[in-house]
Amino acid sequence: MCAVGVPILRLVFPRISMETTSLHTNAQVNNDQTIDFKGQNYEIATTARKSVAIIHHPNRKFWVFEQLPKNAWPCLLGAFSL
């Protein structure tokens, strides 16, 4: 569940063609609410979770979620361009 008082972002995800591959992985949340991904450190929104899900389009963008989406999109903790 998203933190109380934190605005929920409405995302528009690009349509994925057969030529575009989307990957996912997990990342550990550091004590200062950052994650390490591809050799860089990224600040994310505050979460009580120790591990988060990352969905990324190689060499383009990635999004950090509290967990992988199932029936609905979970809370977005960060969106970054590579």
N, C-alpha and C. Protein backbone atom coordinates (compact mmCIF):
# COMPACT_ATOMS: atom_id res chain seq x y z
N MET A 1 0.83 -1.17 0.00
CA MET A 1 0.00 0.00 0.00
C MET A 1 0.89 1.25 0.00
N CYS A 2 0.50 2.27 -0.70
CA CYS A 2 1.26 3.51 -0.79
C CYS A 2 1.18 4.27 0.53
N ALA A 3 2.21 5.06 0.78
CA ALA A 3 2.25 5.87 2.00
C ALA A 3 1.11 6.88 2.00
N VAL A 4 0.56 7.14 3.17
CA VAL A 4 -0.52 8.10 3.31
C VAL A 4 0.02 9.51 3.08
N GLY A 5 -0.70 10.29 2.32
CA GLY A 5 -0.29 11.67 2.07
C GLY A 5 0.66 11.83 0.89
N VAL A 6 1.09 10.73 0.30
CA VAL A 6 1.99 10.80 -0.84
C VAL A 6 1.13 10.77 -2.10
N PRO A 7 1.29 11.76 -2.98
CA PRO A 7 0.47 11.76 -4.20
C PRO A 7 0.79 10.55 -5.07
N ILE A 8 -0.24 9.96 -5.63
CA ILE A 8 -0.05 8.82 -6.53
C ILE A 8 0.11 9.36 -7.94
N LEU A 9 1.16 8.93 -8.59
CA LEU A 9 1.45 9.39 -9.94
C LEU A 9 0.68 8.56 -10.95
N ARG A 10 0.10 9.21 -11.92
CA ARG A 10 -0.56 8.50 -13.00
C ARG A 10 0.47 8.36 -14.11
N LEU A 11 0.76 7.13 -14.47
CA LEU A 11 1.79 6.87 -15.46
C LEU A 11 1.19 6.50 -16.79
N VAL A 12 1.85 6.93 -17.83
CA VAL A 12 1.50 6.51 -19.17
C VAL A 12 2.71 5.73 -19.68
N PHE A 13 2.54 4.43 -19.81
CA PHE A 13 3.62 3.59 -20.27
C PHE A 13 3.55 3.49 -21.79
N PRO A 14 4.71 3.55 -22.45
CA PRO A 14 4.70 3.42 -23.91
C PRO A 14 4.23 2.03 -24.31
N ARG A 15 3.59 1.96 -25.46
CA ARG A 15 3.20 0.64 -25.97
C ARG A 15 4.47 -0.13 -26.31
N ILE A 16 4.47 -1.39 -25.97
CA ILE A 16 5.66 -2.21 -26.19
C ILE A 16 5.45 -3.02 -27.46
N SER A 17 6.35 -2.82 -28.41
CA SER A 17 6.27 -3.59 -29.65
C SER A 17 7.02 -4.91 -29.45
N MET A 18 6.93 -5.78 -30.41
CA MET A 18 7.62 -7.06 -30.32
C MET A 18 9.13 -6.87 -30.35
N GLU A 19 9.61 -5.71 -30.84
CA GLU A 19 11.04 -5.46 -30.92
C GLU A 19 11.60 -4.93 -29.62
N THR A 20 10.74 -4.49 -28.70
CA THR A 20 11.18 -3.91 -27.43
C THR A 20 11.06 -4.97 -26.34
N THR A 21 12.11 -5.12 -25.58
CA THR A 21 12.11 -6.10 -24.51
C THR A 21 12.10 -5.39 -23.17
N SER A 22 11.24 -5.85 -22.29
CA SER A 22 11.16 -5.32 -20.94
C SER A 22 11.64 -6.41 -19.99
N LEU A 23 12.54 -6.05 -19.10
CA LEU A 23 13.10 -7.00 -18.14
C LEU A 23 12.73 -6.59 -16.73
N HIS A 24 12.83 -7.51 -15.80
CA HIS A 24 12.60 -7.15 -14.40
C HIS A 24 13.62 -7.85 -13.51
N THR A 25 13.88 -7.22 -12.38
CA THR A 25 14.81 -7.74 -11.40
C THR A 25 14.43 -7.16 -10.04
N ASN A 26 15.12 -7.57 -9.01
CA ASN A 26 14.92 -7.03 -7.67
C ASN A 26 16.16 -6.25 -7.25
N ALA A 27 15.97 -5.33 -6.31
CA ALA A 27 17.09 -4.56 -5.77
C ALA A 27 16.88 -4.37 -4.28
N GLN A 28 17.95 -4.35 -3.53
CA GLN A 28 17.89 -4.08 -2.10
C GLN A 28 17.79 -2.59 -1.86
N VAL A 29 16.98 -2.19 -0.89
CA VAL A 29 16.84 -0.78 -0.53
C VAL A 29 17.88 -0.47 0.55
N ASN A 30 18.71 0.53 0.30
CA ASN A 30 19.71 0.96 1.28
C ASN A 30 19.03 1.73 2.41
N ASN A 31 19.74 1.89 3.52
CA ASN A 31 19.18 2.60 4.68
C ASN A 31 18.79 4.04 4.38
N ASP A 32 19.43 4.66 3.39
CA ASP A 32 19.12 6.05 3.04
C ASP A 32 18.07 6.15 1.93
N GLN A 33 17.27 5.09 1.74
CA GLN A 33 16.19 5.04 0.74
C GLN A 33 16.73 5.25 -0.68
N THR A 34 17.81 4.56 -0.99
CA THR A 34 18.37 4.55 -2.33
C THR A 34 18.53 3.10 -2.78
N ILE A 35 18.68 2.92 -4.08
CA ILE A 35 19.01 1.60 -4.62
C ILE A 35 20.23 1.74 -5.51
N ASP A 36 20.94 0.65 -5.68
CA ASP A 36 22.06 0.60 -6.60
C ASP A 36 21.62 -0.19 -7.82
N PHE A 37 21.79 0.42 -9.01
CA PHE A 37 21.39 -0.24 -10.25
C PHE A 37 22.34 0.15 -11.36
N LYS A 38 22.92 -0.83 -12.00
CA LYS A 38 23.87 -0.61 -13.09
C LYS A 38 25.02 0.31 -12.69
N GLY A 39 25.55 0.11 -11.49
CA GLY A 39 26.70 0.87 -11.03
C GLY A 39 26.40 2.29 -10.56
N GLN A 40 25.14 2.67 -10.50
CA GLN A 40 24.75 4.02 -10.05
C GLN A 40 23.85 3.90 -8.84
N ASN A 41 23.76 4.99 -8.10
CA ASN A 41 22.91 5.05 -6.91
C ASN A 41 21.74 5.96 -7.23
N TYR A 42 20.50 5.49 -6.98
CA TYR A 42 19.29 6.25 -7.28
C TYR A 42 18.43 6.41 -6.04
N GLU A 43 17.96 7.62 -5.80
CA GLU A 43 17.09 7.90 -4.66
C GLU A 43 15.65 7.56 -5.04
N ILE A 44 14.97 6.81 -4.17
CA ILE A 44 13.58 6.43 -4.42
C ILE A 44 12.69 6.99 -3.31
N ALA A 45 11.39 6.91 -3.51
CA ALA A 45 10.43 7.35 -2.49
C ALA A 45 10.55 6.45 -1.27
N THR A 46 10.16 6.97 -0.13
CA THR A 46 10.24 6.24 1.12
C THR A 46 9.36 5.00 1.08
N THR A 47 9.93 3.88 1.52
CA THR A 47 9.20 2.63 1.59
C THR A 47 9.67 1.83 2.80
N ALA A 48 8.79 1.00 3.33
CA ALA A 48 9.16 0.14 4.45
C ALA A 48 9.81 -1.15 3.96
N ARG A 49 9.74 -1.39 2.68
CA ARG A 49 10.29 -2.63 2.11
C ARG A 49 11.81 -2.60 2.07
N LYS A 50 12.40 -3.78 2.23
CA LYS A 50 13.85 -3.93 2.14
C LYS A 50 14.29 -4.31 0.73
N SER A 51 13.34 -4.76 -0.08
CA SER A 51 13.61 -5.17 -1.45
C SER A 51 12.50 -4.62 -2.34
N VAL A 52 12.86 -4.15 -3.54
CA VAL A 52 11.89 -3.59 -4.47
C VAL A 52 12.06 -4.24 -5.84
N ALA A 53 11.06 -4.06 -6.69
CA ALA A 53 11.10 -4.61 -8.05
C ALA A 53 11.48 -3.50 -9.03
N ILE A 54 12.30 -3.86 -10.00
CA ILE A 54 12.70 -2.93 -11.05
C ILE A 54 12.25 -3.50 -12.39
N ILE A 55 11.55 -2.69 -13.16
CA ILE A 55 11.20 -3.05 -14.53
C ILE A 55 11.98 -2.09 -15.43
N HIS A 56 12.74 -2.65 -16.36
CA HIS A 56 13.55 -1.75 -17.18
C HIS A 56 13.55 -2.14 -18.65
N HIS A 57 13.68 -1.12 -19.48
CA HIS A 57 13.90 -1.26 -20.90
C HIS A 57 15.39 -1.02 -21.09
N PRO A 58 16.15 -2.02 -21.49
CA PRO A 58 17.61 -1.91 -21.57
C PRO A 58 18.08 -0.64 -22.30
N ASN A 59 19.00 0.05 -21.65
CA ASN A 59 19.64 1.27 -22.18
C ASN A 59 18.68 2.43 -22.39
N ARG A 60 17.48 2.39 -21.79
CA ARG A 60 16.52 3.47 -21.99
C ARG A 60 15.99 4.02 -20.67
N LYS A 61 15.15 3.26 -19.98
CA LYS A 61 14.48 3.71 -18.77
C LYS A 61 14.31 2.56 -17.81
N PHE A 62 14.03 2.92 -16.54
CA PHE A 62 13.59 1.90 -15.60
C PHE A 62 12.69 2.52 -14.55
N TRP A 63 11.82 1.67 -14.01
CA TRP A 63 10.85 2.07 -13.00
C TRP A 63 11.04 1.19 -11.78
N VAL A 64 10.89 1.78 -10.60
CA VAL A 64 11.03 1.05 -9.34
C VAL A 64 9.66 0.96 -8.67
N PHE A 65 9.23 -0.27 -8.39
CA PHE A 65 7.94 -0.52 -7.75
C PHE A 65 8.14 -1.29 -6.45
N GLU A 66 7.15 -1.22 -5.57
CA GLU A 66 7.24 -1.97 -4.32
C GLU A 66 7.25 -3.48 -4.59
N GLN A 67 6.55 -3.92 -5.63
CA GLN A 67 6.54 -5.33 -6.02
C GLN A 67 6.19 -5.41 -7.50
N LEU A 68 6.36 -6.57 -8.07
CA LEU A 68 6.00 -6.74 -9.48
C LEU A 68 4.49 -6.64 -9.65
N PRO A 69 4.02 -6.04 -10.73
CA PRO A 69 2.58 -5.91 -10.96
C PRO A 69 1.92 -7.27 -11.16
N LYS A 70 0.71 -7.41 -10.61
CA LYS A 70 -0.08 -8.62 -10.81
C LYS A 70 -1.39 -8.21 -11.46
N ASN A 71 -2.39 -7.89 -10.67
CA ASN A 71 -3.68 -7.47 -11.23
C ASN A 71 -3.77 -5.96 -11.42
N ALA A 72 -2.99 -5.22 -10.64
CA ALA A 72 -2.98 -3.76 -10.72
C ALA A 72 -1.54 -3.29 -10.49
N TRP A 73 -1.24 -2.08 -10.98
CA TRP A 73 0.10 -1.55 -10.79
C TRP A 73 0.30 -1.19 -9.32
N PRO A 74 1.41 -1.64 -8.70
CA PRO A 74 1.71 -1.26 -7.32
C PRO A 74 2.26 0.15 -7.26
N CYS A 75 2.58 0.60 -6.06
CA CYS A 75 3.10 1.95 -5.86
C CYS A 75 4.42 2.14 -6.62
N LEU A 76 4.50 3.26 -7.32
CA LEU A 76 5.71 3.63 -8.03
C LEU A 76 6.62 4.38 -7.07
N LEU A 77 7.85 3.93 -6.96
CA LEU A 77 8.82 4.56 -6.06
C LEU A 77 9.82 5.42 -6.80
N GLY A 78 9.93 5.26 -8.11
CA GLY A 78 10.86 6.08 -8.88
C GLY A 78 10.83 5.69 -10.35
N ALA A 79 11.15 6.66 -11.21
CA ALA A 79 11.24 6.45 -12.66
C ALA A 79 12.49 7.18 -13.13
N PHE A 80 13.34 6.50 -13.87
CA PHE A 80 14.63 7.06 -14.23
C PHE A 80 14.96 6.76 -15.68
N SER A 81 15.72 7.64 -16.32
CA SER A 81 16.25 7.41 -17.66
C SER A 81 17.71 7.00 -17.55
N LEU A 82 18.12 6.14 -18.42
CA LEU A 82 19.52 5.69 -18.41
C LEU A 82 20.33 6.46 -19.44
